Amino acid sequence: MDIVRANENDLKQVAVLFDQYRQFYKQLSNVEGAYHFLAERYRKQESILFVAKEDEQYLGFVQLYPTFSSVAMKDAFILNDLFVIQDSRQKGIGQQLMEKAFSFANDKGARFISLETATSNTKAQQLYEKMGMIIDSSTQHYIYYWD
């Protein structure tokens, strides 16, 4: 199995996985919309996408969005999406994807990687904690939704 940075040729296959990921979060299936969303992020260089592949089969992905730490005056990343297909779970692929993301961010001199997940997603939370991530109780997270 290889974990590589996705290129434009990977996006159609990754869109299928991205659609499955969104369905996990109770969104309606929309593979075409998933493809267009990923393609726009790629074209505008707004995200970093790594994919896990084995024998041309796509097993999972991790997507980072660049941001900044104004206080530290450094780059930072939001790990917005991590997904492994059902048949490939519990094989360490999610951990390897996260390790790739951590390595990338560290090489860029980033201050941190942050993420959020559903409180019900306890499997993912176990992985995040295993990877050394913590719940940062020193900050409050606020959000404003338009729809």
C-alpha atoms as a PDB file:
ATOM      1  CA  MET A   1       0.000   0.000   0.000  1.00  0.00           C
ATOM      2  CA  ASP A   2       1.215   3.481  -0.879  1.00  0.00           C
ATOM      3  CA  ILE A   3       0.193   6.846   0.492  1.00  0.00           C
ATOM      4  CA  VAL A   4       0.783   9.589  -2.033  1.00  0.00           C
ATOM      5  CA  ARG A   5      -0.256  13.171  -2.583  1.00  0.00           C
ATOM      6  CA  ALA A   6      -3.268  13.156  -4.874  1.00  0.00           C
ATOM      7  CA  ASN A   7      -3.105  14.720  -8.293  1.00  0.00           C
ATOM      8  CA  GLU A   8      -5.817  15.661 -10.748  1.00  0.00           C
ATOM      9  CA  ASN A   9      -5.973  12.106 -12.118  1.00  0.00           C
ATOM     10  CA  ASP A  10      -6.968  10.766  -8.684  1.00  0.00           C
ATOM     11  CA  LEU A  11      -9.933  13.055  -8.114  1.00  0.00           C
ATOM     12  CA  LYS A  12     -12.699  10.990  -9.776  1.00  0.00           C
ATOM     13  CA  GLN A  13     -11.845   7.944  -7.674  1.00  0.00           C
ATOM     14  CA  VAL A  14     -11.362   9.978  -4.508  1.00  0.00           C
ATOM     15  CA  ALA A  15     -14.743  11.648  -5.122  1.00  0.00           C
ATOM     16  CA  VAL A  16     -16.427   8.256  -4.632  1.00  0.00           C
ATOM     17  CA  LEU A  17     -14.717   7.886  -1.243  1.00  0.00           C
ATOM     18  CA  PHE A  18     -15.428  11.521  -0.370  1.00  0.00           C
ATOM     19  CA  ASP A  19     -19.104  10.869  -1.100  1.00  0.00           C
ATOM     20  CA  GLN A  20     -19.078   7.862   1.260  1.00  0.00           C
ATOM     21  CA  TYR A  21     -17.392  10.019   3.892  1.00  0.00           C
ATOM     22  CA  ARG A  22     -20.117  12.658   3.580  1.00  0.00           C
ATOM     23  CA  GLN A  23     -22.819   9.994   3.838  1.00  0.00           C
ATOM     24  CA  PHE A  24     -21.303   8.922   7.171  1.00  0.00           C
ATOM     25  CA  TYR A  25     -22.174  12.452   8.328  1.00  0.00           C
ATOM     26  CA  LYS A  26     -25.783  12.034   7.135  1.00  0.00           C
ATOM     27  CA  GLN A  27     -25.416  13.906   3.840  1.00  0.00           C
ATOM     28  CA  LEU A  28     -27.172  12.744   0.682  1.00  0.00           C
ATOM     29  CA  SER A  29     -25.048  10.980  -1.907  1.00  0.00           C
ATOM     30  CA  ASN A  30     -23.722  13.329  -4.584  1.00  0.00           C
ATOM     31  CA  VAL A  31     -20.624  11.916  -6.311  1.00  0.00           C
ATOM     32  CA  GLU A  32     -20.696  14.577  -9.035  1.00  0.00           C
ATOM     33  CA  GLY A  33     -20.862  17.343  -6.436  1.00  0.00           C
ATOM     34  CA  ALA A  34     -18.059  15.666  -4.482  1.00  0.00           C
ATOM     35  CA  TYR A  35     -15.894  15.588  -7.597  1.00  0.00           C
ATOM     36  CA  HIS A  36     -16.533  19.257  -8.381  1.00  0.00           C
ATOM     37  CA  PHE A  37     -15.811  20.255  -4.779  1.00  0.00           C
ATOM     38  CA  LEU A  38     -12.503  18.347  -4.729  1.00  0.00           C
ATOM     39  CA  ALA A  39     -11.534  19.550  -8.207  1.00  0.00           C
ATOM     40  CA  GLU A  40     -12.100  23.174  -7.218  1.00  0.00           C
ATOM     41  CA  ARG A  41     -10.019  22.774  -4.044  1.00  0.00           C
ATOM     42  CA  TYR A  42      -7.271  21.182  -6.171  1.00  0.00           C
ATOM     43  CA  ARG A  43      -7.409  23.808  -8.915  1.00  0.00           C
ATOM     44  CA  LYS A  44      -7.277  26.684  -6.423  1.00  0.00           C
ATOM     45  CA  GLN A  45      -4.605  24.916  -4.335  1.00  0.00           C
ATOM     46  CA  GLU A  46      -6.852  25.244  -1.288  1.00  0.00           C
ATOM     47  CA  SER A  47      -6.258  21.779   0.136  1.00  0.00           C
ATOM     48  CA  ILE A  48      -3.664  19.060   0.410  1.00  0.00           C
ATOM     49  CA  LEU A  49      -5.037  15.600  -0.296  1.00  0.00           C
ATOM     50  CA  PHE A  50      -3.224  12.333   0.374  1.00  0.00           C
ATOM     51  CA  VAL A  51      -4.617   8.994  -0.783  1.00  0.00           C
ATOM     52  CA  ALA A  52      -3.962   5.415   0.274  1.00  0.00           C
ATOM     53  CA  LYS A  53      -3.839   3.103  -2.749  1.00  0.00           C
ATOM     54  CA  GLU A  54      -3.129  -0.572  -3.222  1.00  0.00           C
ATOM     55  CA  ASP A  55      -3.071  -2.165  -6.670  1.00  0.00           C
ATOM     56  CA  GLU A  56      -4.935   0.844  -8.122  1.00  0.00           C
ATOM     57  CA  GLN A  57      -7.693   0.508  -5.493  1.00  0.00           C
ATOM     58  CA  TYR A  58      -8.325   3.623  -3.421  1.00  0.00           C
ATOM     59  CA  LEU A  59      -8.547   2.691   0.253  1.00  0.00           C
ATOM     60  CA  GLY A  60      -8.760   6.064   1.965  1.00  0.00           C
ATOM     61  CA  PHE A  61      -7.774   9.709   2.054  1.00  0.00           C
ATOM     62  CA  VAL A  62      -6.876  12.558   4.345  1.00  0.00           C
ATOM     63  CA  GLN A  63      -7.467  16.203   3.434  1.00  0.00           C
ATOM     64  CA  LEU A  64      -5.738  19.190   5.001  1.00  0.00           C
ATOM     65  CA  TYR A  65      -6.724  22.822   4.667  1.00  0.00           C
ATOM     66  CA  PRO A  66      -3.999  25.428   5.175  1.00  0.00           C
ATOM     67  CA  THR A  67      -4.546  28.181   7.696  1.00  0.00           C
ATOM     68  CA  PHE A  68      -2.336  30.249   9.989  1.00  0.00           C
ATOM     69  CA  SER A  69      -1.544  30.818  13.630  1.00  0.00           C
ATOM     70  CA  SER A  70      -1.377  34.600  13.959  1.00  0.00           C
ATOM     71  CA  VAL A  71      -0.053  34.413  17.506  1.00  0.00           C
ATOM     72  CA  ALA A  72       2.768  32.007  16.579  1.00  0.00           C
ATOM     73  CA  MET A  73       3.165  33.635  13.151  1.00  0.00           C
ATOM     74  CA  LYS A  74       3.334  30.197  11.554  1.00  0.00           C
ATOM     75  CA  ASP A  75       1.418  28.016   9.166  1.00  0.00           C
ATOM     76  CA  ALA A  76      -1.170  25.628  10.579  1.00  0.00           C
ATOM     77  CA  PHE A  77      -3.476  23.029   9.073  1.00  0.00           C
ATOM     78  CA  ILE A  78      -7.025  21.870   9.625  1.00  0.00           C
ATOM     79  CA  LEU A  79      -7.374  18.130   9.165  1.00  0.00           C
ATOM     80  CA  ASN A  80     -10.891  18.359   7.849  1.00  0.00           C
ATOM     81  CA  ASP A  81     -11.403  14.912   6.347  1.00  0.00           C
ATOM     82  CA  LEU A  82     -10.104  11.423   7.117  1.00  0.00           C
ATOM     83  CA  PHE A  83     -11.763   8.369   5.620  1.00  0.00           C
ATOM     84  CA  VAL A  84     -10.950   4.699   5.060  1.00  0.00           C
ATOM     85  CA  ILE A  85     -13.294   2.399   3.140  1.00  0.00           C
ATOM     86  CA  GLN A  86     -15.215  -0.112   5.251  1.00  0.00           C
ATOM     87  CA  ASP A  87     -13.315  -3.222   4.061  1.00  0.00           C
ATOM     88  CA  SER A  88      -9.939  -1.644   4.871  1.00  0.00           C
ATOM     89  CA  ARG A  89     -10.627  -0.409   8.392  1.00  0.00           C
ATOM     90  CA  GLN A  90      -8.749  -1.690  11.446  1.00  0.00           C
ATOM     91  CA  LYS A  91      -5.619  -2.240   9.323  1.00  0.00           C
ATOM     92  CA  GLY A  92      -3.698   0.882  10.325  1.00  0.00           C
ATOM     93  CA  ILE A  93      -4.488   2.832   7.155  1.00  0.00           C
ATOM     94  CA  GLY A  94      -6.087   5.741   9.006  1.00  0.00           C
ATOM     95  CA  GLN A  95      -3.030   6.003  11.230  1.00  0.00           C
ATOM     96  CA  GLN A  96      -0.708   5.931   8.217  1.00  0.00           C
ATOM     97  CA  LEU A  97      -2.736   8.661   6.521  1.00  0.00           C
ATOM     98  CA  MET A  98      -2.520  10.784   9.667  1.00  0.00           C
ATOM     99  CA  GLU A  99       1.219  10.153   9.930  1.00  0.00           C
ATOM    100  CA  LYS A 100       1.597  11.390   6.346  1.00  0.00           C
ATOM    101  CA  ALA A 101      -0.425  14.516   7.180  1.00  0.00           C
ATOM    102  CA  PHE A 102       1.625  15.140  10.340  1.00  0.00           C
ATOM    103  CA  SER A 103       4.883  14.691   8.433  1.00  0.00           C
ATOM    104  CA  PHE A 104       3.747  17.104   5.715  1.00  0.00           C
ATOM    105  CA  ALA A 105       2.685  19.761   8.236  1.00  0.00           C
ATOM    106  CA  ASN A 106       5.878  19.353  10.252  1.00  0.00           C
ATOM    107  CA  ASP A 107       7.999  19.692   7.104  1.00  0.00           C
ATOM    108  CA  LYS A 108       6.153  22.947   6.358  1.00  0.00           C
ATOM    109  CA  GLY A 109       7.043  24.279   9.816  1.00  0.00           C
ATOM    110  CA  ALA A 110       3.412  24.336  10.934  1.00  0.00           C
ATOM    111  CA  ARG A 111       2.510  25.214  14.512  1.00  0.00           C
ATOM    112  CA  PHE A 112      -0.290  22.644  14.707  1.00  0.00           C
ATOM    113  CA  ILE A 113      -2.870  20.457  13.032  1.00  0.00           C
ATOM    114  CA  SER A 114      -6.383  20.796  14.403  1.00  0.00           C
ATOM    115  CA  LEU A 115      -9.536  18.847  13.707  1.00  0.00           C
ATOM    116  CA  GLU A 116     -13.059  18.338  14.878  1.00  0.00           C
ATOM    117  CA  THR A 117     -15.160  15.214  14.796  1.00  0.00           C
ATOM    118  CA  ALA A 118     -18.608  14.095  15.791  1.00  0.00           C
ATOM    119  CA  THR A 119     -18.859  13.293  19.492  1.00  0.00           C
ATOM    120  CA  SER A 120     -20.326   9.930  18.466  1.00  0.00           C
ATOM    121  CA  ASN A 121     -17.266   9.050  16.345  1.00  0.00           C
ATOM    122  CA  THR A 122     -15.435   7.305  19.178  1.00  0.00           C
ATOM    123  CA  LYS A 123     -13.322   5.072  16.902  1.00  0.00           C
ATOM    124  CA  ALA A 124     -11.793   8.145  15.271  1.00  0.00           C
ATOM    125  CA  GLN A 125     -11.294   9.807  18.657  1.00  0.00           C
ATOM    126  CA  GLN A 126      -9.321   6.765  19.839  1.00  0.00           C
ATOM    127  CA  LEU A 127      -7.049   7.099  16.807  1.00  0.00           C
ATOM    128  CA  TYR A 128      -6.549  10.839  17.321  1.00  0.00           C
ATOM    129  CA  GLU A 129      -5.586  10.306  20.946  1.00  0.00           C
ATOM    130  CA  LYS A 130      -3.289   7.416  19.994  1.00  0.00           C
ATOM    131  CA  MET A 131      -1.583   9.826  17.584  1.00  0.00           C
ATOM    132  CA  GLY A 132      -0.934  12.250  20.462  1.00  0.00           C
ATOM    133  CA  MET A 133      -3.710  14.722  19.722  1.00  0.00           C
ATOM    134  CA  ILE A 134      -5.377  16.347  22.706  1.00  0.00           C
ATOM    135  CA  ILE A 135      -8.613  18.158  23.419  1.00  0.00           C
ATOM    136  CA  ASP A 136      -7.415  21.726  23.891  1.00  0.00           C
ATOM    137  CA  SER A 137      -9.380  22.953  26.880  1.00  0.00           C
ATOM    138  CA  SER A 138      -7.574  26.303  26.831  1.00  0.00           C
ATOM    139  CA  THR A 139      -9.778  27.580  24.008  1.00  0.00           C
ATOM    140  CA  GLN A 140     -13.468  27.837  23.195  1.00  0.00           C
ATOM    141  CA  HIS A 141     -14.655  26.889  19.728  1.00  0.00           C
ATOM    142  CA  TYR A 142     -17.453  29.088  18.356  1.00  0.00           C
ATOM    143  CA  ILE A 143     -19.244  28.703  15.064  1.00  0.00           C
ATOM    144  CA  TYR A 144     -21.904  30.607  13.151  1.00  0.00           C
ATOM    145  CA  TYR A 145     -23.997  28.784  10.531  1.00  0.00           C
ATOM    146  CA  TRP A 146     -25.899  30.402   7.667  1.00  0.00           C
ATOM    147  CA  ASP A 147     -28.007  27.371   6.824  1.00  0.00           C
END
